[in-house]
Amino acid sequence: DPAVTGLPAVLGRIRSAGYLPKPWGETEGQAAQRRETRDLLVRLGTAGFLSSQLMVVTIALYAGSFQGIDPGTRRLLEWVGLGLTLPVYFYSGAPFLRNTVTSLRHGRFNMDALIALGAGAALAYSVWQMLAGGEVYLDTAAMIVTLVLVGRYVEAAVKGRASEAVARLAALARAFGVEMAKG
């Protein structure tokens, strides 16, 4: 009700809930959707490439556990694995980390928090085990982020195509309505 509250008050409430209000138009929404999909694709490509390299290192570590591996080689492979895992967690997983911080700041716990904590726990435990001389699970930390990014990318791509189809359908309906009014 405009008599009770104004646009600035509504926007302030939205901001206080942790969201960023902005004007939304059909073309602006589609552009934002394309930017989000492109960003997810870059993050997914990075995670996929680094995770595949990490799997090679992990296979070597696991094979070394059964076949025998000297401690120096094992340490080197663990550090290489950590170097491959950190960008996956912090760069590719940045959307999850940002959403986790935002949701926790507002007293909520969401799916992104589960992803960030699950992958973060595997990463932290692996670093601790590296220093203690135990088994590492760096591949788990990287694959959690990578596999969830696959799902997010597919979801964003499908949502983008559906939005474009609805926009085209609405444009056709408007054009058909105009033609019907003339005829």
N, C-alpha and C. Protein backbone atom coordinates (compact mmCIF):
# COMPACT_ATOMS: atom_id res chain seq x y z
N ASP A 1 0.85 -1.18 0.00
CA ASP A 1 0.00 0.00 0.00
C ASP A 1 0.90 1.24 0.00
N PRO A 2 0.89 2.02 -1.06
CA PRO A 2 1.74 3.21 -1.15
C PRO A 2 1.46 4.25 -0.06
N ALA A 3 0.25 4.25 0.50
CA ALA A 3 -0.05 5.22 1.55
C ALA A 3 0.62 4.85 2.86
N VAL A 4 0.89 3.56 3.07
CA VAL A 4 1.50 3.09 4.31
C VAL A 4 3.02 3.09 4.25
N THR A 5 3.55 2.66 3.14
CA THR A 5 5.01 2.58 3.01
C THR A 5 5.42 2.95 1.59
N GLY A 6 6.67 3.35 1.44
CA GLY A 6 7.16 3.74 0.14
C GLY A 6 8.21 2.78 -0.38
N LEU A 7 8.65 3.02 -1.59
CA LEU A 7 9.65 2.18 -2.23
C LEU A 7 10.96 2.13 -1.44
N PRO A 8 11.46 3.25 -0.89
CA PRO A 8 12.70 3.18 -0.12
C PRO A 8 12.60 2.24 1.09
N ALA A 9 11.47 2.21 1.75
CA ALA A 9 11.30 1.33 2.91
C ALA A 9 11.31 -0.14 2.49
N VAL A 10 10.65 -0.43 1.38
CA VAL A 10 10.62 -1.81 0.87
C VAL A 10 12.03 -2.24 0.47
N LEU A 11 12.73 -1.38 -0.24
CA LEU A 11 14.10 -1.70 -0.67
C LEU A 11 15.02 -1.88 0.54
N GLY A 12 14.83 -1.06 1.58
CA GLY A 12 15.62 -1.20 2.81
C GLY A 12 15.38 -2.54 3.48
N ARG A 13 14.14 -2.99 3.50
CA ARG A 13 13.83 -4.30 4.10
C ARG A 13 14.47 -5.44 3.30
N ILE A 14 14.45 -5.31 1.99
CA ILE A 14 15.06 -6.34 1.14
C ILE A 14 16.56 -6.38 1.40
N ARG A 15 17.21 -5.21 1.49
CA ARG A 15 18.65 -5.15 1.78
C ARG A 15 18.96 -5.74 3.15
N SER A 16 18.12 -5.47 4.14
CA SER A 16 18.37 -5.98 5.49
C SER A 16 18.24 -7.50 5.55
N ALA A 17 17.53 -8.09 4.59
CA ALA A 17 17.41 -9.55 4.54
C ALA A 17 18.59 -10.18 3.81
N GLY A 18 19.50 -9.35 3.29
CA GLY A 18 20.70 -9.89 2.66
C GLY A 18 20.64 -9.97 1.16
N TYR A 19 19.65 -9.37 0.54
CA TYR A 19 19.50 -9.40 -0.91
C TYR A 19 19.78 -8.03 -1.49
N LEU A 20 20.13 -8.00 -2.77
CA LEU A 20 20.42 -6.75 -3.45
C LEU A 20 19.27 -6.44 -4.41
N PRO A 21 18.41 -5.48 -4.05
CA PRO A 21 17.29 -5.15 -4.95
C PRO A 21 17.80 -4.32 -6.13
N LYS A 22 17.24 -4.59 -7.29
CA LYS A 22 17.59 -3.81 -8.46
C LYS A 22 16.42 -3.86 -9.44
N PRO A 23 16.30 -2.86 -10.30
CA PRO A 23 15.20 -2.86 -11.27
C PRO A 23 15.37 -4.05 -12.23
N TRP A 24 14.27 -4.57 -12.64
CA TRP A 24 14.34 -5.78 -13.45
C TRP A 24 13.47 -5.62 -14.68
N GLY A 25 14.08 -5.73 -15.81
CA GLY A 25 13.34 -5.72 -17.06
C GLY A 25 13.58 -7.03 -17.78
N GLU A 26 12.81 -7.27 -18.81
CA GLU A 26 12.95 -8.53 -19.53
C GLU A 26 14.37 -8.70 -20.09
N THR A 27 14.87 -7.69 -20.78
CA THR A 27 16.20 -7.81 -21.38
C THR A 27 17.29 -7.78 -20.32
N GLU A 28 17.10 -6.98 -19.27
CA GLU A 28 18.09 -6.92 -18.20
C GLU A 28 18.16 -8.26 -17.47
N GLY A 29 17.03 -8.87 -17.25
CA GLY A 29 16.99 -10.18 -16.60
C GLY A 29 17.68 -11.24 -17.44
N GLN A 30 17.45 -11.20 -18.74
CA GLN A 30 18.10 -12.16 -19.63
C GLN A 30 19.60 -11.95 -19.67
N ALA A 31 20.04 -10.70 -19.66
CA ALA A 31 21.48 -10.41 -19.66
C ALA A 31 22.12 -10.89 -18.36
N ALA A 32 21.44 -10.68 -17.24
CA ALA A 32 21.96 -11.15 -15.95
C ALA A 32 22.04 -12.67 -15.93
N GLN A 33 21.04 -13.32 -16.50
CA GLN A 33 21.03 -14.78 -16.57
C GLN A 33 22.19 -15.29 -17.42
N ARG A 34 22.45 -14.64 -18.55
CA ARG A 34 23.57 -15.04 -19.40
C ARG A 34 24.91 -14.84 -18.70
N ARG A 35 25.05 -13.71 -17.97
CA ARG A 35 26.29 -13.47 -17.23
C ARG A 35 26.50 -14.54 -16.16
N GLU A 36 25.44 -14.89 -15.45
CA GLU A 36 25.55 -15.92 -14.42
C GLU A 36 25.94 -17.27 -15.03
N THR A 37 25.32 -17.62 -16.15
CA THR A 37 25.63 -18.89 -16.81
C THR A 37 27.08 -18.90 -17.30
N ARG A 38 27.52 -17.79 -17.87
CA ARG A 38 28.90 -17.70 -18.36
C ARG A 38 29.90 -17.81 -17.20
N ASP A 39 29.60 -17.13 -16.09
CA ASP A 39 30.46 -17.20 -14.91
C ASP A 39 30.53 -18.63 -14.37
N LEU A 40 29.39 -19.30 -14.31
CA LEU A 40 29.38 -20.69 -13.84
C LEU A 40 30.17 -21.59 -14.79
N LEU A 41 30.08 -21.33 -16.09
CA LEU A 41 30.82 -22.14 -17.05
C LEU A 41 32.33 -21.98 -16.87
N VAL A 42 32.80 -20.76 -16.64
CA VAL A 42 34.23 -20.53 -16.42
C VAL A 42 34.68 -21.22 -15.13
N ARG A 43 33.89 -21.07 -14.08
CA ARG A 43 34.23 -21.72 -12.81
C ARG A 43 34.20 -23.24 -12.95
N LEU A 44 33.21 -23.75 -13.67
CA LEU A 44 33.12 -25.19 -13.89
C LEU A 44 34.29 -25.70 -14.73
N GLY A 45 34.66 -24.96 -15.76
CA GLY A 45 35.80 -25.35 -16.59
C GLY A 45 37.08 -25.40 -15.78
N THR A 46 37.28 -24.39 -14.94
CA THR A 46 38.46 -24.36 -14.07
C THR A 46 38.45 -25.55 -13.12
N ALA A 47 37.30 -25.77 -12.48
CA ALA A 47 37.20 -26.89 -11.52
C ALA A 47 37.37 -28.22 -12.22
N GLY A 48 36.77 -28.37 -13.39
CA GLY A 48 36.89 -29.63 -14.12
C GLY A 48 38.32 -29.94 -14.53
N PHE A 49 39.00 -28.92 -15.05
CA PHE A 49 40.39 -29.13 -15.48
C PHE A 49 41.28 -29.48 -14.28
N LEU A 50 41.20 -28.67 -13.23
CA LEU A 50 42.07 -28.91 -12.07
C LEU A 50 41.71 -30.20 -11.34
N SER A 51 40.42 -30.52 -11.27
CA SER A 51 40.01 -31.76 -10.60
C SER A 51 40.47 -32.98 -11.38
N SER A 52 40.47 -32.90 -12.70
CA SER A 52 40.95 -34.04 -13.49
C SER A 52 42.45 -34.24 -13.27
N GLN A 53 43.20 -33.15 -13.17
CA GLN A 53 44.63 -33.28 -12.87
C GLN A 53 44.84 -33.82 -11.46
N LEU A 54 43.99 -33.38 -10.54
CA LEU A 54 44.07 -33.85 -9.16
C LEU A 54 43.79 -35.35 -9.08
N MET A 55 42.89 -35.85 -9.90
CA MET A 55 42.59 -37.28 -9.88
C MET A 55 43.80 -38.10 -10.31
N VAL A 56 44.58 -37.59 -11.24
CA VAL A 56 45.81 -38.29 -11.65
C VAL A 56 46.77 -38.37 -10.47
N VAL A 57 46.92 -37.26 -9.75
CA VAL A 57 47.79 -37.24 -8.58
C VAL A 57 47.26 -38.19 -7.50
N THR A 58 45.95 -38.19 -7.31
CA THR A 58 45.33 -39.04 -6.29
C THR A 58 45.50 -40.52 -6.64
N ILE A 59 45.36 -40.86 -7.90
CA ILE A 59 45.56 -42.25 -8.31
C ILE A 59 47.00 -42.67 -8.01
N ALA A 60 47.94 -41.78 -8.28
CA ALA A 60 49.34 -42.09 -7.99
C ALA A 60 49.54 -42.29 -6.49
N LEU A 61 48.90 -41.47 -5.67
CA LEU A 61 49.01 -41.62 -4.21
C LEU A 61 48.40 -42.94 -3.75
N TYR A 62 47.22 -43.27 -4.25
CA TYR A 62 46.57 -44.52 -3.85
C TYR A 62 47.36 -45.73 -4.33
N ALA A 63 47.85 -45.67 -5.55
CA ALA A 63 48.66 -46.77 -6.07
C ALA A 63 49.94 -46.91 -5.25
N GLY A 64 50.51 -45.79 -4.86
CA GLY A 64 51.71 -45.81 -4.04
C GLY A 64 51.47 -46.41 -2.68
N SER A 65 50.27 -46.24 -2.16
CA SER A 65 49.96 -46.84 -0.85
C SER A 65 49.98 -48.36 -0.93
N PHE A 66 49.56 -48.91 -2.06
CA PHE A 66 49.53 -50.36 -2.21
C PHE A 66 50.85 -50.93 -2.73
N GLN A 67 51.51 -50.18 -3.60
CA GLN A 67 52.72 -50.67 -4.24
C GLN A 67 53.99 -50.23 -3.50
N GLY A 68 53.87 -49.27 -2.63
CA GLY A 68 55.04 -48.73 -1.94
C GLY A 68 55.48 -47.44 -2.62
N ILE A 69 55.59 -46.40 -1.86
CA ILE A 69 56.00 -45.10 -2.39
C ILE A 69 56.94 -44.48 -1.36
N ASP A 70 58.01 -43.89 -1.84
CA ASP A 70 58.94 -43.29 -0.87
C ASP A 70 58.31 -42.02 -0.30
N PRO A 71 58.64 -41.68 0.94
CA PRO A 71 58.01 -40.54 1.62
C PRO A 71 58.19 -39.21 0.89
N GLY A 72 59.33 -38.99 0.26
CA GLY A 72 59.56 -37.74 -0.45
C GLY A 72 58.61 -37.58 -1.63
N THR A 73 58.42 -38.64 -2.39
CA THR A 73 57.50 -38.60 -3.53
C THR A 73 56.07 -38.41 -3.05
N ARG A 74 55.74 -39.10 -1.97
CA ARG A 74 54.39 -38.95 -1.42
C ARG A 74 54.14 -37.50 -0.99
N ARG A 75 55.10 -36.90 -0.29
CA ARG A 75 54.96 -35.50 0.14
C ARG A 75 54.80 -34.57 -1.06
N LEU A 76 55.60 -34.79 -2.09
CA LEU A 76 55.53 -33.96 -3.29
C LEU A 76 54.14 -34.07 -3.93
N LEU A 77 53.63 -35.29 -4.07
CA LEU A 77 52.31 -35.49 -4.66
C LEU A 77 51.21 -34.85 -3.81
N GLU A 78 51.34 -34.92 -2.49
CA GLU A 78 50.35 -34.29 -1.62
C GLU A 78 50.36 -32.77 -1.78
N TRP A 79 51.53 -32.17 -1.87
CA TRP A 79 51.62 -30.72 -2.04
C TRP A 79 51.11 -30.29 -3.41
N VAL A 80 51.39 -31.09 -4.44
CA VAL A 80 50.84 -30.80 -5.77
C VAL A 80 49.32 -30.90 -5.72
N GLY A 81 48.82 -31.93 -5.03
CA GLY A 81 47.37 -32.09 -4.88
C GLY A 81 46.75 -30.90 -4.15
N LEU A 82 47.41 -30.42 -3.12
CA LEU A 82 46.90 -29.24 -2.40
C LEU A 82 46.89 -28.02 -3.31
N GLY A 83 47.94 -27.87 -4.11
CA GLY A 83 48.01 -26.75 -5.06
C GLY A 83 46.91 -26.81 -6.11
N LEU A 84 46.46 -28.01 -6.47
CA LEU A 84 45.36 -28.14 -7.42
C LEU A 84 44.00 -27.96 -6.75
N THR A 85 43.90 -28.30 -5.47
CA THR A 85 42.63 -28.24 -4.76
C THR A 85 42.26 -26.82 -4.34
N LEU A 86 43.22 -26.04 -3.90
CA LEU A 86 42.93 -24.70 -3.39
C LEU A 86 42.19 -23.80 -4.39
N PRO A 87 42.62 -23.73 -5.68
CA PRO A 87 41.85 -22.90 -6.62
C PRO A 87 40.43 -23.43 -6.85
N VAL A 88 40.28 -24.75 -6.82
CA VAL A 88 38.94 -25.31 -7.00
C VAL A 88 38.05 -24.87 -5.85
N TYR A 89 38.55 -24.96 -4.64
CA TYR A 89 37.73 -24.61 -3.47
C TYR A 89 37.48 -23.10 -3.39
N PHE A 90 38.55 -22.31 -3.54
CA PHE A 90 38.39 -20.87 -3.31
C PHE A 90 37.92 -20.08 -4.53
N TYR A 91 38.32 -20.48 -5.74
CA TYR A 91 37.84 -19.75 -6.93
C TYR A 91 36.54 -20.35 -7.45
N SER A 92 36.58 -21.63 -7.79
CA SER A 92 35.38 -22.25 -8.35
C SER A 92 34.26 -22.33 -7.32
N GLY A 93 34.61 -22.51 -6.07
CA GLY A 93 33.61 -22.58 -5.02
C GLY A 93 33.24 -21.24 -4.41
N ALA A 94 33.76 -20.14 -4.97
CA ALA A 94 33.49 -18.81 -4.41
C ALA A 94 32.00 -18.48 -4.29
N PRO A 95 31.16 -18.85 -5.27
CA PRO A 95 29.73 -18.55 -5.07
C PRO A 95 29.15 -19.22 -3.82
N PHE A 96 29.58 -20.45 -3.55
CA PHE A 96 29.10 -21.16 -2.36
C PHE A 96 29.62 -20.48 -1.10
N LEU A 97 30.88 -20.08 -1.13
CA LEU A 97 31.48 -19.44 0.04
C LEU A 97 30.80 -18.09 0.33
N ARG A 98 30.58 -17.28 -0.73
CA ARG A 98 29.91 -15.98 -0.56
C ARG A 98 28.49 -16.16 -0.02
N ASN A 99 27.74 -17.10 -0.60
CA ASN A 99 26.37 -17.32 -0.15
C ASN A 99 26.33 -17.86 1.27
N THR A 100 27.33 -18.64 1.64
CA THR A 100 27.40 -19.16 3.01
C THR A 100 27.60 -18.03 4.00
N VAL A 101 28.55 -17.15 3.69
CA VAL A 101 28.81 -16.02 4.58
C VAL A 101 27.57 -15.14 4.71
N THR A 102 26.92 -14.85 3.59
CA THR A 102 25.72 -14.02 3.61
C THR A 102 24.60 -14.68 4.42
N SER A 103 24.37 -15.96 4.19
CA SER A 103 23.28 -16.63 4.91
C SER A 103 23.57 -16.74 6.40
N LEU A 104 24.80 -17.04 6.76
CA LEU A 104 25.13 -17.15 8.18
C LEU A 104 25.07 -15.79 8.87
N ARG A 105 25.41 -14.74 8.15
CA ARG A 105 25.33 -13.39 8.70
C ARG A 105 23.89 -13.03 9.06
N HIS A 106 22.95 -13.62 8.32
CA HIS A 106 21.53 -13.37 8.57
C HIS A 106 20.88 -14.49 9.38
N GLY A 107 21.70 -15.35 9.98
CA GLY A 107 21.17 -16.38 10.87
C GLY A 107 20.51 -17.55 10.17
N ARG A 108 20.89 -17.79 8.91
CA ARG A 108 20.31 -18.91 8.16
C ARG A 108 21.40 -19.89 7.77
N PHE A 109 21.02 -21.11 7.56
CA PHE A 109 21.93 -22.16 7.12
C PHE A 109 21.31 -22.77 5.88
N ASN A 110 22.00 -22.68 4.72
CA ASN A 110 21.40 -23.14 3.48
C ASN A 110 22.26 -24.21 2.80
N MET A 111 21.84 -24.61 1.62
CA MET A 111 22.54 -25.65 0.86
C MET A 111 23.99 -25.26 0.57
N ASP A 112 24.23 -24.00 0.27
CA ASP A 112 25.59 -23.55 -0.01
C ASP A 112 26.48 -23.72 1.22
N ALA A 113 25.92 -23.54 2.39
CA ALA A 113 26.69 -23.75 3.63
C ALA A 113 27.10 -25.21 3.76
N LEU A 114 26.20 -26.12 3.39
CA LEU A 114 26.54 -27.55 3.45
C LEU A 114 27.67 -27.88 2.48
N ILE A 115 27.62 -27.30 1.30
CA ILE A 115 28.67 -27.54 0.30
C ILE A 115 30.00 -26.98 0.78
N ALA A 116 29.98 -25.73 1.24
CA ALA A 116 31.21 -25.08 1.70
C ALA A 116 31.80 -25.81 2.90
N LEU A 117 30.94 -26.20 3.85
CA LEU A 117 31.44 -26.90 5.04
C LEU A 117 31.91 -28.31 4.72
N GLY A 118 31.20 -29.02 3.87
CA GLY A 118 31.60 -30.38 3.50
C GLY A 118 32.95 -30.39 2.78
N ALA A 119 33.07 -29.56 1.75
CA ALA A 119 34.33 -29.50 1.02
C ALA A 119 35.43 -28.91 1.89
N GLY A 120 35.08 -27.90 2.70
CA GLY A 120 36.07 -27.28 3.59
C GLY A 120 36.57 -28.26 4.65
N ALA A 121 35.68 -29.10 5.16
CA ALA A 121 36.10 -30.10 6.15
C ALA A 121 37.06 -31.11 5.53
N ALA A 122 36.76 -31.55 4.31
CA ALA A 122 37.66 -32.49 3.63
C ALA A 122 39.01 -31.84 3.36
N LEU A 123 39.00 -30.57 2.98
CA LEU A 123 40.24 -29.85 2.73
C LEU A 123 41.04 -29.66 4.01
N ALA A 124 40.39 -29.20 5.07
CA ALA A 124 41.09 -28.97 6.34
C ALA A 124 41.63 -30.27 6.92
N TYR A 125 40.83 -31.33 6.86
CA TYR A 125 41.28 -32.62 7.37
C TYR A 125 42.49 -33.12 6.57
N SER A 126 42.45 -32.92 5.26
CA SER A 126 43.57 -33.37 4.42
C SER A 126 44.84 -32.61 4.75
N VAL A 127 44.74 -31.30 4.97
CA VAL A 127 45.92 -30.51 5.33
C VAL A 127 46.47 -31.00 6.67
N TRP A 128 45.57 -31.24 7.62
CA TRP A 128 45.99 -31.75 8.92
C TRP A 128 46.67 -33.11 8.78
N GLN A 129 46.12 -33.97 7.94
CA GLN A 129 46.71 -35.29 7.71
C GLN A 129 48.03 -35.20 6.96
N MET A 130 48.16 -34.22 6.09
CA MET A 130 49.44 -34.02 5.40
C MET A 130 50.54 -33.75 6.42
N LEU A 131 50.22 -32.89 7.38
CA LEU A 131 51.21 -32.53 8.39
C LEU A 131 51.45 -33.66 9.38
N ALA A 132 50.44 -34.52 9.58
CA ALA A 132 50.57 -35.63 10.53
C ALA A 132 51.07 -36.90 9.86
N GLY A 133 51.13 -36.93 8.54
CA GLY A 133 51.62 -38.11 7.83
C GLY A 133 50.55 -39.14 7.53
N GLY A 134 49.27 -38.74 7.53
CA GLY A 134 48.18 -39.68 7.26
C GLY A 134 47.68 -39.59 5.83
N GLU A 135 46.53 -40.20 5.60
CA GLU A 135 45.91 -40.20 4.27
C GLU A 135 45.24 -38.85 4.01
N VAL A 136 45.29 -38.40 2.76
CA VAL A 136 44.66 -37.14 2.39
C VAL A 136 43.43 -37.42 1.52
N TYR A 137 42.47 -36.50 1.57
CA TYR A 137 41.23 -36.62 0.82
C TYR A 137 40.97 -35.34 0.04
N LEU A 138 42.00 -34.83 -0.59
CA LEU A 138 41.89 -33.59 -1.36
C LEU A 138 40.94 -33.76 -2.54
N ASP A 139 40.92 -34.95 -3.12
CA ASP A 139 40.03 -35.21 -4.24
C ASP A 139 38.56 -35.05 -3.84
N THR A 140 38.23 -35.41 -2.62
CA THR A 140 36.86 -35.25 -2.14
C THR A 140 36.47 -33.79 -2.08
N ALA A 141 37.34 -32.96 -1.54
CA ALA A 141 37.06 -31.52 -1.44
C ALA A 141 36.84 -30.92 -2.83
N ALA A 142 37.69 -31.27 -3.78
CA ALA A 142 37.57 -30.71 -5.12
C ALA A 142 36.34 -31.25 -5.86
N MET A 143 36.06 -32.53 -5.70
CA MET A 143 34.95 -33.11 -6.45
C MET A 143 33.59 -32.67 -5.92
N ILE A 144 33.48 -32.39 -4.63
CA ILE A 144 32.22 -31.86 -4.11
C ILE A 144 31.89 -30.56 -4.83
N VAL A 145 32.85 -29.66 -4.90
CA VAL A 145 32.64 -28.38 -5.56
C VAL A 145 32.36 -28.59 -7.05
N THR A 146 33.15 -29.42 -7.71
CA THR A 146 33.01 -29.63 -9.15
C THR A 146 31.66 -30.22 -9.51
N LEU A 147 31.24 -31.24 -8.80
CA LEU A 147 29.97 -31.88 -9.13
C LEU A 147 28.77 -30.99 -8.85
N VAL A 148 28.82 -30.21 -7.79
CA VAL A 148 27.71 -29.29 -7.52
C VAL A 148 27.70 -28.18 -8.58
N LEU A 149 28.88 -27.75 -9.03
CA LEU A 149 28.93 -26.75 -10.10
C LEU A 149 28.33 -27.29 -11.40
N VAL A 150 28.51 -28.57 -11.68
CA VAL A 150 27.88 -29.17 -12.86
C VAL A 150 26.36 -28.99 -12.77
N GLY A 151 25.81 -29.32 -11.61
CA GLY A 151 24.37 -29.17 -11.42
C GLY A 151 23.91 -27.73 -11.53
N ARG A 152 24.66 -26.82 -10.93
CA ARG A 152 24.29 -25.40 -10.99
C ARG A 152 24.36 -24.87 -12.42
N TYR A 153 25.38 -25.30 -13.16
CA TYR A 153 25.51 -24.84 -14.54
C TYR A 153 24.35 -25.36 -15.39
N VAL A 154 24.03 -26.63 -15.26
CA VAL A 154 22.93 -27.20 -16.03
C VAL A 154 21.62 -26.47 -15.68
N GLU A 155 21.42 -26.24 -14.39
CA GLU A 155 20.22 -25.53 -13.95
C GLU A 155 20.16 -24.13 -14.54
N ALA A 156 21.26 -23.39 -14.51
CA ALA A 156 21.29 -22.02 -15.04
C ALA A 156 21.06 -22.02 -16.55
N ALA A 157 21.66 -22.98 -17.26
CA ALA A 157 21.49 -23.04 -18.71
C ALA A 157 20.04 -23.34 -19.08
N VAL A 158 19.43 -24.29 -18.39
CA VAL A 158 18.04 -24.64 -18.67
C VAL A 158 17.12 -23.48 -18.31
N LYS A 159 17.39 -22.84 -17.19
CA LYS A 159 16.57 -21.70 -16.77
C LYS A 159 16.68 -20.57 -17.79
N GLY A 160 17.88 -20.33 -18.31
CA GLY A 160 18.08 -19.29 -19.31
C GLY A 160 17.33 -19.58 -20.59
N ARG A 161 17.38 -20.83 -21.04
CA ARG A 161 16.65 -21.19 -22.26
C ARG A 161 15.14 -21.09 -22.05
N ALA A 162 14.68 -21.49 -20.88
CA ALA A 162 13.24 -21.39 -20.59
C ALA A 162 12.80 -19.93 -20.54
N SER A 163 13.61 -19.06 -19.95
CA SER A 163 13.28 -17.63 -19.88
C SER A 163 13.21 -17.02 -21.27
N GLU A 164 14.16 -17.39 -22.12
CA GLU A 164 14.15 -16.86 -23.48
C GLU A 164 12.93 -17.36 -24.25
N ALA A 165 12.56 -18.62 -24.04
CA ALA A 165 11.38 -19.16 -24.72
C ALA A 165 10.12 -18.45 -24.26
N VAL A 166 10.00 -18.19 -22.98
CA VAL A 166 8.83 -17.47 -22.45
C VAL A 166 8.79 -16.05 -23.01
N ALA A 167 9.96 -15.39 -23.08
CA ALA A 167 10.01 -14.03 -23.62
C ALA A 167 9.59 -14.01 -25.09
N ARG A 168 10.06 -14.98 -25.86
CA ARG A 168 9.66 -15.06 -27.27
C ARG A 168 8.17 -15.34 -27.41
N LEU A 169 7.66 -16.21 -26.55
CA LEU A 169 6.23 -16.52 -26.57
C LEU A 169 5.40 -15.30 -26.22
N ALA A 170 5.85 -14.52 -25.23
CA ALA A 170 5.14 -13.30 -24.85
C ALA A 170 5.17 -12.29 -25.99
N ALA A 171 6.32 -12.19 -26.67
CA ALA A 171 6.42 -11.27 -27.81
C ALA A 171 5.47 -11.70 -28.93
N LEU A 172 5.39 -13.01 -29.17
CA LEU A 172 4.45 -13.52 -30.18
C LEU A 172 3.01 -13.22 -29.79
N ALA A 173 2.70 -13.40 -28.51
CA ALA A 173 1.34 -13.14 -28.05
C ALA A 173 0.99 -11.67 -28.22
N ARG A 174 1.95 -10.78 -27.90
CA ARG A 174 1.71 -9.35 -28.09
C ARG A 174 1.51 -9.03 -29.58
N ALA A 175 2.37 -9.61 -30.41
CA ALA A 175 2.27 -9.36 -31.85
C ALA A 175 0.96 -9.92 -32.39
N PHE A 176 0.57 -11.09 -31.95
CA PHE A 176 -0.67 -11.70 -32.41
C PHE A 176 -1.86 -10.90 -31.91
N GLY A 177 -1.78 -10.40 -30.70
CA GLY A 177 -2.86 -9.57 -30.14
C GLY A 177 -3.02 -8.28 -30.94
N VAL A 178 -1.91 -7.70 -31.36
CA VAL A 178 -1.96 -6.48 -32.15
C VAL A 178 -2.58 -6.78 -33.51
N GLU A 179 -2.17 -7.89 -34.12
CA GLU A 179 -2.72 -8.27 -35.42
C GLU A 179 -4.22 -8.55 -35.31
N MET A 180 -4.62 -9.21 -34.23
CA MET A 180 -6.03 -9.53 -34.06
C MET A 180 -6.85 -8.26 -33.88
N ALA A 181 -6.30 -7.27 -33.20
CA ALA A 181 -7.02 -6.02 -32.98
C ALA A 181 -7.20 -5.26 -34.30
N LYS A 182 -6.20 -5.37 -35.19
CA LYS A 182 -6.29 -4.68 -36.48
C LYS A 182 -7.27 -5.38 -37.41
N GLY A 183 -7.32 -6.73 -37.31
CA GLY A 183 -8.16 -7.51 -38.23
C GLY A 183 -9.53 -7.56 -37.75
